[in-house]
Amino acid sequence: MNDDTVKKLALMIAANCTRNSVLEEAEQANAISQEQMTQFNHQMSNRIYTFLTYLLNKPAEEYSVMIKELSKNYPEAWALPDLDQNLINAVTQSSLPTLPH
């Protein structure tokens, strides 16, 4: 995948993961500063971009090494994820283009 596309994909993922979240609520309640939120967003985007680059554009051996390293921080105490209803709703509410017959 083209590197610029991977960068844009990382930004979209990061933005959609923090939008309407507890983190965004904390920023609005002044529990964290705008500067901290900006730093967090940049860190999140960089990490997602790096992950996607290894997943999509690196040889399988390099991706495997990255997954091995990332698995060292596997969050054992976290619940397994569910599909996010807000993102699903956004997709279903958008008008999908219809194909001409």
C-alpha atoms as a PDB file:
ATOM      1  CA  MET A   1       0.000   0.000   0.000  1.00  0.00           C
ATOM      2  CA  ASN A   2       1.224   3.511  -0.832  1.00  0.00           C
ATOM      3  CA  ASP A   3       2.949   5.171   2.175  1.00  0.00           C
ATOM      4  CA  ASP A   4       0.772   8.312   2.031  1.00  0.00           C
ATOM      5  CA  THR A   5      -2.327   6.111   2.087  1.00  0.00           C
ATOM      6  CA  VAL A   6      -1.007   4.221   5.116  1.00  0.00           C
ATOM      7  CA  LYS A   7      -0.359   7.548   6.889  1.00  0.00           C
ATOM      8  CA  LYS A   8      -3.895   8.760   6.166  1.00  0.00           C
ATOM      9  CA  LEU A   9      -5.336   5.425   7.285  1.00  0.00           C
ATOM     10  CA  ALA A  10      -3.398   5.691  10.566  1.00  0.00           C
ATOM     11  CA  LEU A  11      -4.795   9.182  11.154  1.00  0.00           C
ATOM     12  CA  MET A  12      -8.346   8.018  10.444  1.00  0.00           C
ATOM     13  CA  ILE A  13      -7.993   5.093  12.850  1.00  0.00           C
ATOM     14  CA  ALA A  14      -6.474   7.250  15.597  1.00  0.00           C
ATOM     15  CA  ALA A  15      -9.094   9.976  15.205  1.00  0.00           C
ATOM     16  CA  ASN A  16     -11.981   7.528  15.232  1.00  0.00           C
ATOM     17  CA  CYS A  17     -10.588   5.678  18.245  1.00  0.00           C
ATOM     18  CA  THR A  18     -10.422   8.826  20.386  1.00  0.00           C
ATOM     19  CA  ARG A  19     -13.493  10.664  19.062  1.00  0.00           C
ATOM     20  CA  ASN A  20     -16.455  10.601  21.466  1.00  0.00           C
ATOM     21  CA  SER A  21     -14.380   8.638  23.982  1.00  0.00           C
ATOM     22  CA  VAL A  22     -13.654   8.907  27.678  1.00  0.00           C
ATOM     23  CA  LEU A  23     -10.369  10.559  26.718  1.00  0.00           C
ATOM     24  CA  GLU A  24     -12.134  13.287  24.748  1.00  0.00           C
ATOM     25  CA  GLU A  25     -14.543  13.790  27.652  1.00  0.00           C
ATOM     26  CA  ALA A  26     -11.579  14.230  30.002  1.00  0.00           C
ATOM     27  CA  GLU A  27     -10.151  16.900  27.713  1.00  0.00           C
ATOM     28  CA  GLN A  28     -13.460  18.779  27.680  1.00  0.00           C
ATOM     29  CA  ALA A  29     -13.634  18.592  31.492  1.00  0.00           C
ATOM     30  CA  ASN A  30     -10.100  20.042  31.682  1.00  0.00           C
ATOM     31  CA  ALA A  31      -8.792  16.813  33.242  1.00  0.00           C
ATOM     32  CA  ILE A  32      -6.101  16.848  30.552  1.00  0.00           C
ATOM     33  CA  SER A  33      -4.817  19.826  28.640  1.00  0.00           C
ATOM     34  CA  GLN A  34      -5.158  20.482  24.917  1.00  0.00           C
ATOM     35  CA  GLU A  35      -1.371  20.115  24.670  1.00  0.00           C
ATOM     36  CA  GLN A  36      -1.508  16.668  26.301  1.00  0.00           C
ATOM     37  CA  MET A  37      -4.337  15.644  23.998  1.00  0.00           C
ATOM     38  CA  THR A  38      -2.351  16.824  20.971  1.00  0.00           C
ATOM     39  CA  GLN A  39       0.699  14.862  22.153  1.00  0.00           C
ATOM     40  CA  PHE A  40      -1.425  11.769  22.753  1.00  0.00           C
ATOM     41  CA  ASN A  41      -3.020  12.020  19.304  1.00  0.00           C
ATOM     42  CA  HIS A  42       0.399  12.332  17.674  1.00  0.00           C
ATOM     43  CA  GLN A  43       1.785   9.355  19.615  1.00  0.00           C
ATOM     44  CA  MET A  44      -1.293   7.279  18.766  1.00  0.00           C
ATOM     45  CA  SER A  45      -1.073   8.182  15.063  1.00  0.00           C
ATOM     46  CA  ASN A  46       2.641   7.362  14.937  1.00  0.00           C
ATOM     47  CA  ARG A  47       2.155   3.984  16.610  1.00  0.00           C
ATOM     48  CA  ILE A  48      -0.774   3.011  14.407  1.00  0.00           C
ATOM     49  CA  TYR A  49       1.137   4.158  11.308  1.00  0.00           C
ATOM     50  CA  THR A  50       4.139   2.046  12.343  1.00  0.00           C
ATOM     51  CA  PHE A  51       1.929  -0.987  12.979  1.00  0.00           C
ATOM     52  CA  LEU A  52       0.123  -0.598   9.642  1.00  0.00           C
ATOM     53  CA  THR A  53       3.419  -0.140   7.798  1.00  0.00           C
ATOM     54  CA  TYR A  54       4.711  -3.431   9.198  1.00  0.00           C
ATOM     55  CA  LEU A  55       1.381  -5.173   8.584  1.00  0.00           C
ATOM     56  CA  LEU A  56       0.896  -3.968   5.012  1.00  0.00           C
ATOM     57  CA  ASN A  57       4.316  -3.131   3.574  1.00  0.00           C
ATOM     58  CA  LYS A  58       7.036  -5.121   5.303  1.00  0.00           C
ATOM     59  CA  PRO A  59       8.132  -8.696   4.670  1.00  0.00           C
ATOM     60  CA  ALA A  60       6.313 -11.316   6.744  1.00  0.00           C
ATOM     61  CA  GLU A  61       9.451 -11.988   8.802  1.00  0.00           C
ATOM     62  CA  GLU A  62       9.641  -8.349   9.975  1.00  0.00           C
ATOM     63  CA  TYR A  63       5.909  -8.266  10.725  1.00  0.00           C
ATOM     64  CA  SER A  64       6.263 -11.471  12.752  1.00  0.00           C
ATOM     65  CA  VAL A  65       9.069  -9.960  14.825  1.00  0.00           C
ATOM     66  CA  MET A  66       6.947  -6.874  15.490  1.00  0.00           C
ATOM     67  CA  ILE A  67       3.955  -8.979  16.589  1.00  0.00           C
ATOM     68  CA  LYS A  68       6.248 -10.987  18.893  1.00  0.00           C
ATOM     69  CA  GLU A  69       7.483  -7.746  20.490  1.00  0.00           C
ATOM     70  CA  LEU A  70       3.972  -6.274  20.781  1.00  0.00           C
ATOM     71  CA  SER A  71       2.681  -9.469  22.377  1.00  0.00           C
ATOM     72  CA  LYS A  72       5.006  -8.829  25.338  1.00  0.00           C
ATOM     73  CA  ASN A  73       2.576  -6.053  26.319  1.00  0.00           C
ATOM     74  CA  TYR A  74      -0.591  -8.079  25.754  1.00  0.00           C
ATOM     75  CA  PRO A  75      -3.255  -6.669  28.094  1.00  0.00           C
ATOM     76  CA  GLU A  76      -4.274  -9.862  29.924  1.00  0.00           C
ATOM     77  CA  ALA A  77      -6.644  -7.964  32.242  1.00  0.00           C
ATOM     78  CA  TRP A  78      -8.534  -6.220  29.432  1.00  0.00           C
ATOM     79  CA  ALA A  79     -11.834  -7.517  28.146  1.00  0.00           C
ATOM     80  CA  LEU A  80     -11.835  -8.726  24.560  1.00  0.00           C
ATOM     81  CA  PRO A  81     -13.101  -6.029  22.183  1.00  0.00           C
ATOM     82  CA  ASP A  82     -16.581  -5.742  20.769  1.00  0.00           C
ATOM     83  CA  LEU A  83     -17.606  -4.062  17.548  1.00  0.00           C
ATOM     84  CA  ASP A  84     -18.136  -0.365  18.302  1.00  0.00           C
ATOM     85  CA  GLN A  85     -21.773   0.563  17.808  1.00  0.00           C
ATOM     86  CA  ASN A  86     -20.963   4.246  17.136  1.00  0.00           C
ATOM     87  CA  LEU A  87     -18.752   3.331  14.181  1.00  0.00           C
ATOM     88  CA  ILE A  88     -21.279   0.793  12.912  1.00  0.00           C
ATOM     89  CA  ASN A  89     -24.038   3.423  13.138  1.00  0.00           C
ATOM     90  CA  ALA A  90     -21.911   5.921  11.221  1.00  0.00           C
ATOM     91  CA  VAL A  91     -21.488   3.432   8.396  1.00  0.00           C
ATOM     92  CA  THR A  92     -25.140   2.445   8.258  1.00  0.00           C
ATOM     93  CA  GLN A  93     -26.301   6.074   8.386  1.00  0.00           C
ATOM     94  CA  SER A  94     -24.094   7.201   5.540  1.00  0.00           C
ATOM     95  CA  SER A  95     -25.607   6.887   2.115  1.00  0.00           C
ATOM     96  CA  LEU A  96     -23.822   4.261   0.107  1.00  0.00           C
ATOM     97  CA  PRO A  97     -23.636   4.965  -3.621  1.00  0.00           C
ATOM     98  CA  THR A  98     -25.914   2.857  -5.754  1.00  0.00           C
ATOM     99  CA  LEU A  99     -24.550   1.180  -8.831  1.00  0.00           C
ATOM    100  CA  PRO A 100     -26.207   1.978 -12.153  1.00  0.00           C
ATOM    101  CA  HIS A 101     -28.124  -0.917 -13.722  1.00  0.00           C
END
